[in-house]
Amino acid sequence: MLAVVNYGSGNVAAISAVLSTLRVEHKVVSEPADLVSADRYILPGVGAFDPTMARLEEVGFKAELERQVKGANKKLLGICVGMQLLSDGSEEGELPGFGWIPGKVRKIDTSGLNRPPYLPHMGWNSLDLKGASPLFDGIELAHGFYFLHSYFFDAADAREILATTQYGGDLPCAVANGNVFGVQFHPEKSHANGTRLLKNFAELV
């Protein structure tokens, strides 16, 4: 069973709607204790790094996710800021991230862009896969995914970058380390590709 972590940040209803369409058994979880009965998690996030991490800690999700994801080796997919929280930290703030995927979240360099508005990076972009991953099985890479962000995950180990996208440079937009996955784009807003990616995550073994 999959749990969508509801801590007041992220498109929880939209993610749940896609999972319902796929008939994926899931629940939207608002209490940390309810994470125990799930075998995998989706961690959404919208907004700035520090307030999002502070909220996770305030309501008790941070400690319980540490127990379930790192302690019990359950799978987790972070989306947008939820992906950025998997890092060591962000230039956007001062709080540490989970540190599950080593790296730093950095502001997008706009010097390679030729017309405003430069940030946020908003809209559809194609992906370049860096290697085979079941998370991207059946995905039409040229059709891409929907992005809305001003910061990107600069992973310390290139082997943990699943995919990149082009926006003022080659930006990592999907990362993984063992049972932990993260995507910068919004699957819940990405039509057929997003639906397929959520299905793939739900079925990962």
C-alpha atoms as a PDB file:
ATOM      1  CA  MET A   1       0.000   0.000   0.000  1.00  0.00           C
ATOM      2  CA  LEU A   2       1.227   3.455  -0.954  1.00  0.00           C
ATOM      3  CA  ALA A   3       0.973   6.509   1.326  1.00  0.00           C
ATOM      4  CA  VAL A   4       0.887  10.097   0.059  1.00  0.00           C
ATOM      5  CA  VAL A   5       2.396  12.260   2.782  1.00  0.00           C
ATOM      6  CA  ASN A   6       0.094  15.189   3.569  1.00  0.00           C
ATOM      7  CA  TYR A   7       1.849  17.804   5.692  1.00  0.00           C
ATOM      8  CA  GLY A   8       0.306  20.904   4.118  1.00  0.00           C
ATOM      9  CA  SER A   9       2.626  21.255   1.114  1.00  0.00           C
ATOM     10  CA  GLY A  10       2.084  19.775  -2.322  1.00  0.00           C
ATOM     11  CA  ASN A  11      -0.573  18.688  -4.784  1.00  0.00           C
ATOM     12  CA  VAL A  12      -1.861  15.865  -2.605  1.00  0.00           C
ATOM     13  CA  ALA A  13      -5.379  15.754  -4.079  1.00  0.00           C
ATOM     14  CA  ALA A  14      -4.085  15.684  -7.654  1.00  0.00           C
ATOM     15  CA  ILE A  15      -1.641  12.868  -6.888  1.00  0.00           C
ATOM     16  CA  SER A  16      -4.365  10.882  -5.151  1.00  0.00           C
ATOM     17  CA  ALA A  17      -6.687  11.388  -8.129  1.00  0.00           C
ATOM     18  CA  VAL A  18      -4.107   9.919 -10.529  1.00  0.00           C
ATOM     19  CA  LEU A  19      -3.501   6.952  -8.223  1.00  0.00           C
ATOM     20  CA  SER A  20      -7.257   6.377  -7.978  1.00  0.00           C
ATOM     21  CA  THR A  21      -7.519   6.367 -11.775  1.00  0.00           C
ATOM     22  CA  LEU A  22      -4.771   3.748 -11.833  1.00  0.00           C
ATOM     23  CA  ARG A  23      -6.579   1.778  -9.113  1.00  0.00           C
ATOM     24  CA  VAL A  24      -3.438   1.858  -6.986  1.00  0.00           C
ATOM     25  CA  GLU A  25      -4.194   1.067  -3.366  1.00  0.00           C
ATOM     26  CA  HIS A  26      -3.174   4.164  -1.446  1.00  0.00           C
ATOM     27  CA  LYS A  27      -4.116   6.560   1.305  1.00  0.00           C
ATOM     28  CA  VAL A  28      -3.426  10.211   2.028  1.00  0.00           C
ATOM     29  CA  VAL A  29      -1.654  10.273   5.396  1.00  0.00           C
ATOM     30  CA  SER A  30      -1.815  13.262   7.747  1.00  0.00           C
ATOM     31  CA  GLU A  31      -0.422  11.555  10.877  1.00  0.00           C
ATOM     32  CA  PRO A  32       3.134  10.188  11.113  1.00  0.00           C
ATOM     33  CA  ALA A  33       1.960   7.017  12.883  1.00  0.00           C
ATOM     34  CA  ASP A  34      -0.055   6.079   9.794  1.00  0.00           C
ATOM     35  CA  LEU A  35       3.125   5.695   7.749  1.00  0.00           C
ATOM     36  CA  VAL A  36       3.915   2.390   9.430  1.00  0.00           C
ATOM     37  CA  SER A  37       1.261   0.400   7.549  1.00  0.00           C
ATOM     38  CA  ALA A  38       2.453   1.530   4.090  1.00  0.00           C
ATOM     39  CA  ASP A  39       5.247  -0.079   2.090  1.00  0.00           C
ATOM     40  CA  ARG A  40       6.122   2.985  -0.029  1.00  0.00           C
ATOM     41  CA  TYR A  41       5.627   6.744   0.051  1.00  0.00           C
ATOM     42  CA  ILE A  42       5.165   9.787  -2.145  1.00  0.00           C
ATOM     43  CA  LEU A  43       6.544  13.000  -0.635  1.00  0.00           C
ATOM     44  CA  PRO A  44       5.228  16.043  -2.543  1.00  0.00           C
ATOM     45  CA  GLY A  45       6.321  19.599  -1.951  1.00  0.00           C
ATOM     46  CA  VAL A  46       5.536  23.101  -3.192  1.00  0.00           C
ATOM     47  CA  GLY A  47       7.290  26.249  -2.006  1.00  0.00           C
ATOM     48  CA  ALA A  48      10.636  27.023  -0.373  1.00  0.00           C
ATOM     49  CA  PHE A  49      13.081  24.499   1.070  1.00  0.00           C
ATOM     50  CA  ASP A  50      13.369  25.671   4.707  1.00  0.00           C
ATOM     51  CA  PRO A  51       9.653  26.178   5.477  1.00  0.00           C
ATOM     52  CA  THR A  52       8.865  22.810   3.890  1.00  0.00           C
ATOM     53  CA  MET A  53      11.509  20.938   5.888  1.00  0.00           C
ATOM     54  CA  ALA A  54      10.550  22.802   9.068  1.00  0.00           C
ATOM     55  CA  ARG A  55       6.918  21.788   8.588  1.00  0.00           C
ATOM     56  CA  LEU A  56       7.872  18.124   8.108  1.00  0.00           C
ATOM     57  CA  GLU A  57       9.816  18.202  11.352  1.00  0.00           C
ATOM     58  CA  GLU A  58       7.158  20.147  13.254  1.00  0.00           C
ATOM     59  CA  VAL A  59       4.400  17.628  12.558  1.00  0.00           C
ATOM     60  CA  GLY A  60       6.637  14.584  13.164  1.00  0.00           C
ATOM     61  CA  PHE A  61       6.929  13.275   9.619  1.00  0.00           C
ATOM     62  CA  LYS A  62      10.682  13.802   9.340  1.00  0.00           C
ATOM     63  CA  ALA A  63      11.576  11.408  12.158  1.00  0.00           C
ATOM     64  CA  GLU A  64       9.030   8.776  11.094  1.00  0.00           C
ATOM     65  CA  LEU A  65      10.162   8.896   7.464  1.00  0.00           C
ATOM     66  CA  GLU A  66      13.731   8.379   8.672  1.00  0.00           C
ATOM     67  CA  ARG A  67      12.581   5.231  10.490  1.00  0.00           C
ATOM     68  CA  GLN A  68      10.518   3.850   7.626  1.00  0.00           C
ATOM     69  CA  VAL A  69      12.643   4.806   4.617  1.00  0.00           C
ATOM     70  CA  LYS A  70      16.171   4.376   5.960  1.00  0.00           C
ATOM     71  CA  GLY A  71      15.455   2.097   8.878  1.00  0.00           C
ATOM     72  CA  ALA A  72      12.950  -0.259   7.226  1.00  0.00           C
ATOM     73  CA  ASN A  73      14.183   0.286   3.639  1.00  0.00           C
ATOM     74  CA  LYS A  74      10.777   1.279   2.264  1.00  0.00           C
ATOM     75  CA  LYS A  75      10.623   3.088  -1.087  1.00  0.00           C
ATOM     76  CA  LEU A  76      10.021   6.831  -1.357  1.00  0.00           C
ATOM     77  CA  LEU A  77       9.419   9.158  -4.308  1.00  0.00           C
ATOM     78  CA  GLY A  78      10.002  12.861  -3.689  1.00  0.00           C
ATOM     79  CA  ILE A  79       8.296  15.302  -6.068  1.00  0.00           C
ATOM     80  CA  CYS A  80       9.495  18.876  -6.769  1.00  0.00           C
ATOM     81  CA  VAL A  81      10.526  20.348  -3.392  1.00  0.00           C
ATOM     82  CA  GLY A  82       9.933  16.842  -2.028  1.00  0.00           C
ATOM     83  CA  MET A  83      12.838  15.771  -4.256  1.00  0.00           C
ATOM     84  CA  GLN A  84      15.008  18.669  -3.108  1.00  0.00           C
ATOM     85  CA  LEU A  85      14.492  17.676   0.533  1.00  0.00           C
ATOM     86  CA  LEU A  86      16.331  14.412  -0.198  1.00  0.00           C
ATOM     87  CA  SER A  87      19.578  16.394  -0.581  1.00  0.00           C
ATOM     88  CA  ASP A  88      22.097  17.573   1.998  1.00  0.00           C
ATOM     89  CA  GLY A  89      20.704  21.106   1.839  1.00  0.00           C
ATOM     90  CA  SER A  90      19.791  24.032  -0.400  1.00  0.00           C
ATOM     91  CA  GLU A  91      21.181  27.417  -1.389  1.00  0.00           C
ATOM     92  CA  GLU A  92      17.601  28.606  -0.839  1.00  0.00           C
ATOM     93  CA  GLY A  93      17.841  28.093   2.928  1.00  0.00           C
ATOM     94  CA  GLU A  94      19.931  26.999   5.872  1.00  0.00           C
ATOM     95  CA  LEU A  95      18.265  23.823   7.204  1.00  0.00           C
ATOM     96  CA  PRO A  96      19.772  20.426   6.390  1.00  0.00           C
ATOM     97  CA  GLY A  97      17.873  18.066   4.126  1.00  0.00           C
ATOM     98  CA  PHE A  98      17.411  14.345   4.691  1.00  0.00           C
ATOM     99  CA  GLY A  99      20.813  13.657   3.105  1.00  0.00           C
ATOM    100  CA  TRP A 100      19.587  10.418   1.537  1.00  0.00           C
ATOM    101  CA  ILE A 101      20.974  11.396  -1.864  1.00  0.00           C
ATOM    102  CA  PRO A 102      24.189  13.401  -1.423  1.00  0.00           C
ATOM    103  CA  GLY A 103      24.214  16.761  -3.183  1.00  0.00           C
ATOM    104  CA  LYS A 104      23.196  20.396  -2.936  1.00  0.00           C
ATOM    105  CA  VAL A 105      20.143  22.180  -4.304  1.00  0.00           C
ATOM    106  CA  ARG A 106      21.275  25.199  -6.320  1.00  0.00           C
ATOM    107  CA  LYS A 107      19.604  28.112  -8.093  1.00  0.00           C
ATOM    108  CA  ILE A 108      19.308  27.707 -11.859  1.00  0.00           C
ATOM    109  CA  ASP A 109      21.977  29.690 -13.716  1.00  0.00           C
ATOM    110  CA  THR A 110      20.064  31.995 -16.073  1.00  0.00           C
ATOM    111  CA  SER A 111      23.130  33.275 -17.970  1.00  0.00           C
ATOM    112  CA  GLY A 112      22.517  30.747 -20.745  1.00  0.00           C
ATOM    113  CA  LEU A 113      18.922  31.876 -21.335  1.00  0.00           C
ATOM    114  CA  ASN A 114      18.059  34.421 -23.999  1.00  0.00           C
ATOM    115  CA  ARG A 115      14.678  35.789 -23.069  1.00  0.00           C
ATOM    116  CA  PRO A 116      12.767  36.674 -19.871  1.00  0.00           C
ATOM    117  CA  PRO A 117      11.102  35.694 -17.668  1.00  0.00           C
ATOM    118  CA  TYR A 118      14.058  33.482 -16.777  1.00  0.00           C
ATOM    119  CA  LEU A 119      12.718  32.026 -13.532  1.00  0.00           C
ATOM    120  CA  PRO A 120      10.860  30.033 -12.583  1.00  0.00           C
ATOM    121  CA  HIS A 121      11.432  27.366 -15.178  1.00  0.00           C
ATOM    122  CA  MET A 122       7.796  26.695 -16.018  1.00  0.00           C
ATOM    123  CA  GLY A 123       6.298  24.465 -18.665  1.00  0.00           C
ATOM    124  CA  TRP A 124       6.974  21.265 -20.570  1.00  0.00           C
ATOM    125  CA  ASN A 125      10.470  19.921 -21.178  1.00  0.00           C
ATOM    126  CA  SER A 126      11.767  16.685 -22.647  1.00  0.00           C
ATOM    127  CA  LEU A 127      14.180  14.454 -20.702  1.00  0.00           C
ATOM    128  CA  ASP A 128      17.497  12.797 -21.420  1.00  0.00           C
ATOM    129  CA  LEU A 129      17.813   9.471 -19.612  1.00  0.00           C
ATOM    130  CA  LYS A 130      21.265   8.688 -18.227  1.00  0.00           C
ATOM    131  CA  GLY A 131      20.641   4.960 -17.978  1.00  0.00           C
ATOM    132  CA  ALA A 132      17.920   2.359 -17.767  1.00  0.00           C
ATOM    133  CA  SER A 133      15.516   2.707 -14.844  1.00  0.00           C
ATOM    134  CA  PRO A 134      12.175   0.950 -14.300  1.00  0.00           C
ATOM    135  CA  LEU A 135      10.822   4.301 -13.091  1.00  0.00           C
ATOM    136  CA  PHE A 136      10.844   5.449 -16.723  1.00  0.00           C
ATOM    137  CA  ASP A 137       9.548   2.289 -18.415  1.00  0.00           C
ATOM    138  CA  GLY A 138       7.054   3.179 -21.146  1.00  0.00           C
ATOM    139  CA  ILE A 139       7.721   6.924 -20.917  1.00  0.00           C
ATOM    140  CA  GLU A 140       7.640   9.055 -24.099  1.00  0.00           C
ATOM    141  CA  LEU A 141      10.756  11.119 -23.397  1.00  0.00           C
ATOM    142  CA  ALA A 142      10.165  13.574 -26.245  1.00  0.00           C
ATOM    143  CA  HIS A 143       6.739  14.458 -24.813  1.00  0.00           C
ATOM    144  CA  GLY A 144       8.401  15.344 -21.528  1.00  0.00           C
ATOM    145  CA  PHE A 145       7.010  16.458 -18.192  1.00  0.00           C
ATOM    146  CA  TYR A 146       5.661  19.648 -16.617  1.00  0.00           C
ATOM    147  CA  PHE A 147       8.158  21.700 -14.584  1.00  0.00           C
ATOM    148  CA  LEU A 148       7.768  24.612 -12.173  1.00  0.00           C
ATOM    149  CA  HIS A 149      10.961  25.448 -10.241  1.00  0.00           C
ATOM    150  CA  SER A 150      13.846  27.881  -9.780  1.00  0.00           C
ATOM    151  CA  TYR A 151      16.279  25.474  -8.080  1.00  0.00           C
ATOM    152  CA  PHE A 152      17.716  22.131  -9.164  1.00  0.00           C
ATOM    153  CA  PHE A 153      19.320  19.119  -7.457  1.00  0.00           C
ATOM    154  CA  ASP A 154      23.078  19.121  -8.069  1.00  0.00           C
ATOM    155  CA  ALA A 155      23.763  15.480  -7.174  1.00  0.00           C
ATOM    156  CA  ALA A 156      27.255  14.734  -5.849  1.00  0.00           C
ATOM    157  CA  ASP A 157      27.452  11.380  -7.655  1.00  0.00           C
ATOM    158  CA  ALA A 158      26.620  11.416 -11.375  1.00  0.00           C
ATOM    159  CA  ARG A 159      25.652   7.737 -11.130  1.00  0.00           C
ATOM    160  CA  GLU A 160      22.649   8.773  -9.011  1.00  0.00           C
ATOM    161  CA  ILE A 161      21.237  11.027 -11.767  1.00  0.00           C
ATOM    162  CA  LEU A 162      18.519   9.162 -13.680  1.00  0.00           C
ATOM    163  CA  ALA A 163      17.615  11.960 -16.103  1.00  0.00           C
ATOM    164  CA  THR A 164      18.395  15.552 -17.038  1.00  0.00           C
ATOM    165  CA  THR A 165      16.524  18.349 -18.795  1.00  0.00           C
ATOM    166  CA  GLN A 166      17.802  21.406 -20.664  1.00  0.00           C
ATOM    167  CA  TYR A 167      17.124  24.869 -19.228  1.00  0.00           C
ATOM    168  CA  GLY A 168      20.073  27.230 -19.285  1.00  0.00           C
ATOM    169  CA  GLY A 169      22.214  24.111 -19.003  1.00  0.00           C
ATOM    170  CA  ASP A 170      21.972  20.391 -18.376  1.00  0.00           C
ATOM    171  CA  LEU A 171      19.914  20.100 -15.155  1.00  0.00           C
ATOM    172  CA  PRO A 172      19.424  16.861 -13.196  1.00  0.00           C
ATOM    173  CA  CYS A 173      15.680  16.309 -12.892  1.00  0.00           C
ATOM    174  CA  ALA A 174      15.443  12.730 -11.621  1.00  0.00           C
ATOM    175  CA  VAL A 175      17.705  11.072  -9.049  1.00  0.00           C
ATOM    176  CA  ALA A 176      17.846   7.796  -7.155  1.00  0.00           C
ATOM    177  CA  ASN A 177      19.853   6.098  -4.443  1.00  0.00           C
ATOM    178  CA  GLY A 178      18.707   2.586  -3.543  1.00  0.00           C
ATOM    179  CA  ASN A 179      15.103   2.772  -2.365  1.00  0.00           C
ATOM    180  CA  VAL A 180      14.915   6.588  -2.605  1.00  0.00           C
ATOM    181  CA  PHE A 181      13.805   8.373  -5.793  1.00  0.00           C
ATOM    182  CA  GLY A 182      13.194  11.991  -6.654  1.00  0.00           C
ATOM    183  CA  VAL A 183      11.788  13.909  -9.635  1.00  0.00           C
ATOM    184  CA  GLN A 184      11.863  17.685 -10.076  1.00  0.00           C
ATOM    185  CA  PHE A 185       8.878  17.775 -12.438  1.00  0.00           C
ATOM    186  CA  HIS A 186       5.235  17.261 -11.494  1.00  0.00           C
ATOM    187  CA  PRO A 187       3.936  13.831 -12.589  1.00  0.00           C
ATOM    188  CA  GLU A 188       0.427  14.750 -11.452  1.00  0.00           C
ATOM    189  CA  LYS A 189       0.403  17.561 -14.072  1.00  0.00           C
ATOM    190  CA  SER A 190       2.179  15.634 -16.820  1.00  0.00           C
ATOM    191  CA  HIS A 191      -0.702  13.753 -18.459  1.00  0.00           C
ATOM    192  CA  ALA A 192       0.082  10.257 -19.795  1.00  0.00           C
ATOM    193  CA  ASN A 193       3.803  10.373 -18.948  1.00  0.00           C
ATOM    194  CA  GLY A 194       3.128  11.409 -15.375  1.00  0.00           C
ATOM    195  CA  THR A 195       0.468   8.776 -14.939  1.00  0.00           C
ATOM    196  CA  ARG A 196       2.826   6.101 -16.234  1.00  0.00           C
ATOM    197  CA  LEU A 197       5.644   7.227 -13.935  1.00  0.00           C
ATOM    198  CA  LEU A 198       3.404   7.041 -10.854  1.00  0.00           C
ATOM    199  CA  LYS A 199       2.232   3.602 -11.974  1.00  0.00           C
ATOM    200  CA  ASN A 200       5.854   2.510 -12.371  1.00  0.00           C
ATOM    201  CA  PHE A 201       6.733   3.716  -8.881  1.00  0.00           C
ATOM    202  CA  ALA A 202       3.732   1.952  -7.380  1.00  0.00           C
ATOM    203  CA  GLU A 203       4.856  -1.307  -9.007  1.00  0.00           C
ATOM    204  CA  LEU A 204       8.596  -1.145  -8.240  1.00  0.00           C
ATOM    205  CA  VAL A 205       9.856  -4.318  -6.570  1.00  0.00           C
END
